Amino acid sequence: MSEALLDVRDLCKSYGSGVQKVDVLKGISLTMGKGETVALLGASGAGKSTLMHIIGALDRPTSGSVSYAGEDVFAKSESQLALFRNLAIGFVFQFHHLLPEFTALENVMMPALINGSSRHDASLLARSILAEVGLGHRITHKPGELSGGEQQRVAVARALVMQPQLLLADEPTGNLDMKTSDSIHQLFEELHDKRGLSLLVVTHNERLAARTMRQIRMLDGRIQS
């Protein structure tokens, strides 16, 4: 494996306490190399999305550690975690979470504006990324004027605008037809080849998972294989 980018050790996550306690993750350990693509598979309720949210610092573990490029993620303060999420990791979800009142260009500009970039610089960067994902001709359209596949491409562009090394994708094609799903996974592969991105994707689609370098299967909060 290439140099480790992500190192997860004995990760546990529980909700509630006493008789109400629910153990969602039960000692997960995994490593991802720089430039590696990994599919996370398992039935609903296996803990896949919870694991991804913790890796992306959207949630904290009950115990265990997550290291990113050798740094302990959860040793950071809340403000440092917010900066980490904005700069180091890109997120793509099943529901694209685009802001309906803004254009594709404005949606993609958001992370750069939040990071303090000028509107001019954010716009130049967003235009370049949108062209890279095949939407250079749709930058002035709002989400409601775009197809499902185009909306997901805007979400991918937004995830990449801060040049992260790691892209986390949670069922990114769950709402798309087969042809559109194939085109989104093809886009991921092109971005991986061009940018050297590391990709961790949660999916139920065995056929598309087989296109990643490695598949990890979860069952009942543990890694099965």
C-alpha atoms as a PDB file:
ATOM      1  CA  MET A   1       0.000   0.000   0.000  1.00  0.00           C
ATOM      2  CA  SER A   2       1.128   3.592  -0.584  1.00  0.00           C
ATOM      3  CA  GLU A   3       1.854   5.944   2.298  1.00  0.00           C
ATOM      4  CA  ALA A   4      -1.047   5.964   4.761  1.00  0.00           C
ATOM      5  CA  LEU A   5      -3.408   8.909   4.542  1.00  0.00           C
ATOM      6  CA  LEU A   6      -6.079   7.617   6.925  1.00  0.00           C
ATOM      7  CA  ASP A   7      -5.597   5.395   9.968  1.00  0.00           C
ATOM      8  CA  VAL A   8      -8.625   4.356  12.045  1.00  0.00           C
ATOM      9  CA  ARG A   9      -7.935   2.427  15.253  1.00  0.00           C
ATOM     10  CA  ASP A  10     -10.429   0.513  17.437  1.00  0.00           C
ATOM     11  CA  LEU A  11     -13.242   2.954  16.715  1.00  0.00           C
ATOM     12  CA  CYS A  12     -16.396   2.601  18.813  1.00  0.00           C
ATOM     13  CA  LYS A  13     -19.570   4.661  18.733  1.00  0.00           C
ATOM     14  CA  SER A  14     -22.546   4.307  21.070  1.00  0.00           C
ATOM     15  CA  TYR A  15     -25.718   6.301  21.547  1.00  0.00           C
ATOM     16  CA  GLY A  16     -27.727   6.528  24.765  1.00  0.00           C
ATOM     17  CA  SER A  17     -26.819   4.845  28.048  1.00  0.00           C
ATOM     18  CA  GLY A  18     -27.903   1.985  30.281  1.00  0.00           C
ATOM     19  CA  VAL A  19     -30.670  -0.145  28.820  1.00  0.00           C
ATOM     20  CA  GLN A  20     -31.113   2.506  26.094  1.00  0.00           C
ATOM     21  CA  LYS A  21     -27.508   2.169  24.921  1.00  0.00           C
ATOM     22  CA  VAL A  22     -27.032   1.264  21.262  1.00  0.00           C
ATOM     23  CA  ASP A  23     -23.576   0.234  20.036  1.00  0.00           C
ATOM     24  CA  VAL A  24     -23.291   1.275  16.394  1.00  0.00           C
ATOM     25  CA  LEU A  25     -19.541   0.788  15.826  1.00  0.00           C
ATOM     26  CA  LYS A  26     -17.764  -2.000  17.687  1.00  0.00           C
ATOM     27  CA  GLY A  27     -14.006  -1.670  17.314  1.00  0.00           C
ATOM     28  CA  ILE A  28     -13.417  -0.653  13.694  1.00  0.00           C
ATOM     29  CA  SER A  29      -9.817  -0.488  12.442  1.00  0.00           C
ATOM     30  CA  LEU A  30      -8.803   0.305   8.865  1.00  0.00           C
ATOM     31  CA  THR A  31      -6.093   2.081   6.898  1.00  0.00           C
ATOM     32  CA  MET A  32      -6.251   3.881   3.552  1.00  0.00           C
ATOM     33  CA  GLY A  33      -3.257   4.770   1.449  1.00  0.00           C
ATOM     34  CA  LYS A  34      -2.789   8.022  -0.428  1.00  0.00           C
ATOM     35  CA  GLY A  35      -4.470   7.721  -3.801  1.00  0.00           C
ATOM     36  CA  GLU A  36      -6.404   4.585  -2.834  1.00  0.00           C
ATOM     37  CA  THR A  37     -10.061   4.038  -3.730  1.00  0.00           C
ATOM     38  CA  VAL A  38     -12.137   1.970  -1.296  1.00  0.00           C
ATOM     39  CA  ALA A  39     -15.787   0.897  -1.297  1.00  0.00           C
ATOM     40  CA  LEU A  40     -17.588   0.379   2.017  1.00  0.00           C
ATOM     41  CA  LEU A  41     -20.344  -2.226   1.674  1.00  0.00           C
ATOM     42  CA  GLY A  42     -22.970  -3.653   3.995  1.00  0.00           C
ATOM     43  CA  ALA A  43     -26.678  -3.811   4.736  1.00  0.00           C
ATOM     44  CA  SER A  44     -28.583  -0.825   6.104  1.00  0.00           C
ATOM     45  CA  GLY A  45     -27.790  -0.435   9.798  1.00  0.00           C
ATOM     46  CA  ALA A  46     -24.297  -1.930   9.518  1.00  0.00           C
ATOM     47  CA  GLY A  47     -22.740   1.368  10.619  1.00  0.00           C
ATOM     48  CA  LYS A  48     -21.297   2.516   7.288  1.00  0.00           C
ATOM     49  CA  SER A  49     -22.602   6.089   7.355  1.00  0.00           C
ATOM     50  CA  THR A  50     -21.739   6.502  11.053  1.00  0.00           C
ATOM     51  CA  LEU A  51     -18.178   5.425  10.287  1.00  0.00           C
ATOM     52  CA  MET A  52     -17.959   7.841   7.380  1.00  0.00           C
ATOM     53  CA  HIS A  53     -19.314  10.733   9.451  1.00  0.00           C
ATOM     54  CA  ILE A  54     -16.664  10.111  12.114  1.00  0.00           C
ATOM     55  CA  ILE A  55     -13.870   9.815   9.537  1.00  0.00           C
ATOM     56  CA  GLY A  56     -15.060  13.149   8.136  1.00  0.00           C
ATOM     57  CA  ALA A  57     -15.145  14.719  11.641  1.00  0.00           C
ATOM     58  CA  LEU A  58     -18.875  15.362  11.369  1.00  0.00           C
ATOM     59  CA  ASP A  59     -19.323  13.286  14.547  1.00  0.00           C
ATOM     60  CA  ARG A  60     -17.026  12.195  17.384  1.00  0.00           C
ATOM     61  CA  PRO A  61     -16.329   8.590  18.374  1.00  0.00           C
ATOM     62  CA  THR A  62     -17.113   7.202  21.806  1.00  0.00           C
ATOM     63  CA  SER A  63     -13.599   5.735  21.851  1.00  0.00           C
ATOM     64  CA  GLY A  64     -10.773   4.968  19.448  1.00  0.00           C
ATOM     65  CA  SER A  65      -8.820   7.260  17.148  1.00  0.00           C
ATOM     66  CA  VAL A  66      -8.760   8.660  13.626  1.00  0.00           C
ATOM     67  CA  SER A  67      -5.453   9.899  12.213  1.00  0.00           C
ATOM     68  CA  TYR A  68      -5.235  11.870   8.967  1.00  0.00           C
ATOM     69  CA  ALA A  69      -1.766  12.264   7.436  1.00  0.00           C
ATOM     70  CA  GLY A  70      -0.322  11.335  10.822  1.00  0.00           C
ATOM     71  CA  GLU A  71      -2.355  13.843  12.858  1.00  0.00           C
ATOM     72  CA  ASP A  72      -4.904  12.867  15.505  1.00  0.00           C
ATOM     73  CA  VAL A  73      -8.134  14.352  14.150  1.00  0.00           C
ATOM     74  CA  PHE A  74      -9.992  14.487  17.461  1.00  0.00           C
ATOM     75  CA  ALA A  75      -7.136  16.133  19.335  1.00  0.00           C
ATOM     76  CA  LYS A  76      -8.154  19.280  17.433  1.00  0.00           C
ATOM     77  CA  SER A  77     -10.389  22.009  18.878  1.00  0.00           C
ATOM     78  CA  GLU A  78     -13.837  22.584  17.371  1.00  0.00           C
ATOM     79  CA  SER A  79     -12.557  25.533  15.311  1.00  0.00           C
ATOM     80  CA  GLN A  80      -9.612  23.453  14.089  1.00  0.00           C
ATOM     81  CA  LEU A  81     -12.007  20.614  13.187  1.00  0.00           C
ATOM     82  CA  ALA A  82     -14.148  23.012  11.148  1.00  0.00           C
ATOM     83  CA  LEU A  83     -11.045  24.149   9.247  1.00  0.00           C
ATOM     84  CA  PHE A  84      -9.972  20.527   8.768  1.00  0.00           C
ATOM     85  CA  ARG A  85     -13.368  19.596   7.299  1.00  0.00           C
ATOM     86  CA  ASN A  86     -13.265  22.554   4.916  1.00  0.00           C
ATOM     87  CA  LEU A  87      -9.712  22.054   3.656  1.00  0.00           C
ATOM     88  CA  ALA A  88      -8.781  18.374   3.947  1.00  0.00           C
ATOM     89  CA  ILE A  89     -11.949  16.440   3.091  1.00  0.00           C
ATOM     90  CA  GLY A  90     -14.586  16.682   0.393  1.00  0.00           C
ATOM     91  CA  PHE A  91     -18.094  15.323   1.051  1.00  0.00           C
ATOM     92  CA  VAL A  92     -20.619  13.999  -1.456  1.00  0.00           C
ATOM     93  CA  PHE A  93     -23.945  12.666  -0.176  1.00  0.00           C
ATOM     94  CA  GLN A  94     -26.897  10.779  -1.670  1.00  0.00           C
ATOM     95  CA  PHE A  95     -28.956  13.947  -1.315  1.00  0.00           C
ATOM     96  CA  HIS A  96     -26.765  16.632  -2.828  1.00  0.00           C
ATOM     97  CA  HIS A  97     -27.761  19.388  -0.336  1.00  0.00           C
ATOM     98  CA  LEU A  98     -27.367  22.166  -2.909  1.00  0.00           C
ATOM     99  CA  LEU A  99     -28.832  25.533  -1.992  1.00  0.00           C
ATOM    100  CA  PRO A 100     -31.833  25.911  -4.337  1.00  0.00           C
ATOM    101  CA  GLU A 101     -31.780  29.714  -4.477  1.00  0.00           C
ATOM    102  CA  PHE A 102     -28.189  29.840  -5.758  1.00  0.00           C
ATOM    103  CA  THR A 103     -26.706  28.947  -9.140  1.00  0.00           C
ATOM    104  CA  ALA A 104     -24.360  26.026  -9.733  1.00  0.00           C
ATOM    105  CA  LEU A 105     -21.448  28.482  -9.693  1.00  0.00           C
ATOM    106  CA  GLU A 106     -22.539  30.061  -6.407  1.00  0.00           C
ATOM    107  CA  ASN A 107     -23.043  26.656  -4.758  1.00  0.00           C
ATOM    108  CA  VAL A 108     -19.530  25.570  -5.716  1.00  0.00           C
ATOM    109  CA  MET A 109     -18.044  28.887  -4.543  1.00  0.00           C
ATOM    110  CA  MET A 110     -19.413  28.447  -0.992  1.00  0.00           C
ATOM    111  CA  PRO A 111     -16.523  26.515   0.644  1.00  0.00           C
ATOM    112  CA  ALA A 112     -13.976  28.979  -0.757  1.00  0.00           C
ATOM    113  CA  LEU A 113     -16.005  31.971   0.449  1.00  0.00           C
ATOM    114  CA  ILE A 114     -16.341  30.382   3.900  1.00  0.00           C
ATOM    115  CA  ASN A 115     -12.562  29.987   3.929  1.00  0.00           C
ATOM    116  CA  GLY A 116     -12.117  33.721   3.295  1.00  0.00           C
ATOM    117  CA  SER A 117     -11.444  33.805  -0.445  1.00  0.00           C
ATOM    118  CA  SER A 118     -12.602  36.857  -2.391  1.00  0.00           C
ATOM    119  CA  ARG A 119     -15.643  36.434  -4.643  1.00  0.00           C
ATOM    120  CA  HIS A 120     -13.372  36.921  -7.654  1.00  0.00           C
ATOM    121  CA  ASP A 121     -10.944  34.169  -6.632  1.00  0.00           C
ATOM    122  CA  ALA A 122     -13.753  31.835  -5.511  1.00  0.00           C
ATOM    123  CA  SER A 123     -15.536  32.347  -8.824  1.00  0.00           C
ATOM    124  CA  LEU A 124     -12.425  31.565 -10.889  1.00  0.00           C
ATOM    125  CA  LEU A 125     -11.789  28.390  -8.900  1.00  0.00           C
ATOM    126  CA  ALA A 126     -15.431  27.273  -9.081  1.00  0.00           C
ATOM    127  CA  ARG A 127     -15.612  27.882 -12.839  1.00  0.00           C
ATOM    128  CA  SER A 128     -12.516  25.748 -13.366  1.00  0.00           C
ATOM    129  CA  ILE A 129     -13.861  22.870 -11.257  1.00  0.00           C
ATOM    130  CA  LEU A 130     -17.290  22.986 -12.923  1.00  0.00           C
ATOM    131  CA  ALA A 131     -15.622  22.786 -16.337  1.00  0.00           C
ATOM    132  CA  GLU A 132     -13.582  19.812 -15.082  1.00  0.00           C
ATOM    133  CA  VAL A 133     -16.758  17.898 -14.116  1.00  0.00           C
ATOM    134  CA  GLY A 134     -18.400  18.695 -17.454  1.00  0.00           C
ATOM    135  CA  LEU A 135     -20.692  21.537 -16.385  1.00  0.00           C
ATOM    136  CA  GLY A 136     -18.883  24.596 -17.678  1.00  0.00           C
ATOM    137  CA  HIS A 137     -21.960  25.400 -19.790  1.00  0.00           C
ATOM    138  CA  ARG A 138     -24.418  25.173 -16.854  1.00  0.00           C
ATOM    139  CA  ILE A 139     -22.850  27.492 -14.283  1.00  0.00           C
ATOM    140  CA  THR A 140     -25.738  29.992 -14.234  1.00  0.00           C
ATOM    141  CA  HIS A 141     -28.439  27.345 -13.743  1.00  0.00           C
ATOM    142  CA  LYS A 142     -30.036  26.753 -10.369  1.00  0.00           C
ATOM    143  CA  PRO A 143     -30.396  23.191  -8.995  1.00  0.00           C
ATOM    144  CA  GLY A 144     -34.068  22.984 -10.011  1.00  0.00           C
ATOM    145  CA  GLU A 145     -33.024  23.558 -13.620  1.00  0.00           C
ATOM    146  CA  LEU A 146     -30.516  20.686 -13.608  1.00  0.00           C
ATOM    147  CA  SER A 147     -30.972  16.923 -13.951  1.00  0.00           C
ATOM    148  CA  GLY A 148     -30.221  14.605 -11.040  1.00  0.00           C
ATOM    149  CA  GLY A 149     -26.863  13.669 -12.527  1.00  0.00           C
ATOM    150  CA  GLU A 150     -25.966  17.314 -13.141  1.00  0.00           C
ATOM    151  CA  GLN A 151     -26.898  18.216  -9.576  1.00  0.00           C
ATOM    152  CA  GLN A 152     -24.610  15.475  -8.279  1.00  0.00           C
ATOM    153  CA  ARG A 153     -21.797  16.776 -10.499  1.00  0.00           C
ATOM    154  CA  VAL A 154     -22.271  20.201  -8.931  1.00  0.00           C
ATOM    155  CA  ALA A 155     -22.043  18.536  -5.502  1.00  0.00           C
ATOM    156  CA  VAL A 156     -18.808  16.798  -6.578  1.00  0.00           C
ATOM    157  CA  ALA A 157     -17.402  20.117  -7.815  1.00  0.00           C
ATOM    158  CA  ARG A 158     -18.285  21.762  -4.493  1.00  0.00           C
ATOM    159  CA  ALA A 159     -16.547  18.910  -2.637  1.00  0.00           C
ATOM    160  CA  LEU A 160     -13.372  19.459  -4.681  1.00  0.00           C
ATOM    161  CA  VAL A 161     -13.165  23.241  -4.725  1.00  0.00           C
ATOM    162  CA  MET A 162     -10.755  23.379  -1.745  1.00  0.00           C
ATOM    163  CA  GLN A 163      -8.498  20.723  -3.320  1.00  0.00           C
ATOM    164  CA  PRO A 164      -8.921  18.005  -0.626  1.00  0.00           C
ATOM    165  CA  GLN A 165      -6.874  14.806  -0.664  1.00  0.00           C
ATOM    166  CA  LEU A 166      -9.751  12.634   0.555  1.00  0.00           C
ATOM    167  CA  LEU A 167     -13.238  12.454  -0.944  1.00  0.00           C
ATOM    168  CA  LEU A 168     -15.969  10.803   1.156  1.00  0.00           C
ATOM    169  CA  ALA A 169     -19.038   9.761  -0.843  1.00  0.00           C
ATOM    170  CA  ASP A 170     -22.094   8.359   0.972  1.00  0.00           C
ATOM    171  CA  GLU A 171     -24.384   6.552  -1.511  1.00  0.00           C
ATOM    172  CA  PRO A 172     -23.583   9.191  -4.166  1.00  0.00           C
ATOM    173  CA  THR A 173     -25.584   7.377  -6.850  1.00  0.00           C
ATOM    174  CA  GLY A 174     -28.414   6.103  -4.638  1.00  0.00           C
ATOM    175  CA  ASN A 175     -31.010   8.315  -6.324  1.00  0.00           C
ATOM    176  CA  LEU A 176     -29.720   7.961  -9.893  1.00  0.00           C
ATOM    177  CA  ASP A 177     -30.531   5.563 -12.716  1.00  0.00           C
ATOM    178  CA  MET A 178     -27.936   3.039 -13.883  1.00  0.00           C
ATOM    179  CA  LYS A 179     -26.602   5.090 -16.792  1.00  0.00           C
ATOM    180  CA  THR A 180     -26.239   8.230 -14.682  1.00  0.00           C
ATOM    181  CA  SER A 181     -24.700   6.200 -11.833  1.00  0.00           C
ATOM    182  CA  ASP A 182     -22.098   4.861 -14.247  1.00  0.00           C
ATOM    183  CA  SER A 183     -21.275   8.382 -15.408  1.00  0.00           C
ATOM    184  CA  ILE A 184     -20.753   9.594 -11.817  1.00  0.00           C
ATOM    185  CA  HIS A 185     -18.441   6.677 -11.006  1.00  0.00           C
ATOM    186  CA  GLN A 186     -16.597   7.322 -14.266  1.00  0.00           C
ATOM    187  CA  LEU A 187     -16.164  10.907 -13.086  1.00  0.00           C
ATOM    188  CA  PHE A 188     -14.736   9.682  -9.762  1.00  0.00           C
ATOM    189  CA  GLU A 189     -12.244   7.502 -11.662  1.00  0.00           C
ATOM    190  CA  GLU A 190     -11.181  10.398 -13.890  1.00  0.00           C
ATOM    191  CA  LEU A 191     -10.705  12.667 -10.877  1.00  0.00           C
ATOM    192  CA  HIS A 192      -8.716   9.951  -9.110  1.00  0.00           C
ATOM    193  CA  ASP A 193      -6.436   9.535 -12.123  1.00  0.00           C
ATOM    194  CA  LYS A 194      -5.991  13.271 -12.662  1.00  0.00           C
ATOM    195  CA  ARG A 195      -5.717  14.472  -9.058  1.00  0.00           C
ATOM    196  CA  GLY A 196      -4.499  11.395  -7.199  1.00  0.00           C
ATOM    197  CA  LEU A 197      -7.576  11.611  -4.960  1.00  0.00           C
ATOM    198  CA  SER A 198      -8.217   9.100  -2.224  1.00  0.00           C
ATOM    199  CA  LEU A 199     -11.867   8.002  -2.356  1.00  0.00           C
ATOM    200  CA  LEU A 200     -13.959   6.239   0.287  1.00  0.00           C
ATOM    201  CA  VAL A 201     -17.435   5.484  -1.042  1.00  0.00           C
ATOM    202  CA  VAL A 202     -20.390   3.926   0.776  1.00  0.00           C
ATOM    203  CA  THR A 203     -22.517   2.021  -1.701  1.00  0.00           C
ATOM    204  CA  HIS A 204     -24.966  -0.871  -2.022  1.00  0.00           C
ATOM    205  CA  ASN A 205     -24.012  -1.264  -5.679  1.00  0.00           C
ATOM    206  CA  GLU A 206     -21.747  -4.312  -5.969  1.00  0.00           C
ATOM    207  CA  ARG A 207     -21.028  -3.668  -9.630  1.00  0.00           C
ATOM    208  CA  LEU A 208     -19.807  -0.146  -9.022  1.00  0.00           C
ATOM    209  CA  ALA A 209     -17.960  -1.127  -5.823  1.00  0.00           C
ATOM    210  CA  ALA A 210     -15.964  -3.626  -7.887  1.00  0.00           C
ATOM    211  CA  ARG A 211     -14.471  -0.659  -9.772  1.00  0.00           C
ATOM    212  CA  THR A 212     -12.610   0.494  -6.640  1.00  0.00           C
ATOM    213  CA  MET A 213      -9.197  -0.848  -5.617  1.00  0.00           C
ATOM    214  CA  ARG A 214     -10.497  -2.476  -2.435  1.00  0.00           C
ATOM    215  CA  GLN A 215     -13.853  -3.401  -0.900  1.00  0.00           C
ATOM    216  CA  ILE A 216     -14.527  -3.441   2.865  1.00  0.00           C
ATOM    217  CA  ARG A 217     -17.658  -5.199   4.087  1.00  0.00           C
ATOM    218  CA  MET A 218     -19.350  -4.255   7.361  1.00  0.00           C
ATOM    219  CA  LEU A 219     -21.819  -6.267   9.409  1.00  0.00           C
ATOM    220  CA  ASP A 220     -23.429  -5.165  12.688  1.00  0.00           C
ATOM    221  CA  GLY A 221     -20.874  -2.466  13.472  1.00  0.00           C
ATOM    222  CA  ARG A 222     -17.806  -4.523  12.644  1.00  0.00           C
ATOM    223  CA  ILE A 223     -15.629  -5.152   9.615  1.00  0.00           C
ATOM    224  CA  GLN A 224     -16.621  -8.518   8.231  1.00  0.00           C
ATOM    225  CA  SER A 225     -14.016  -8.781   5.481  1.00  0.00           C
END
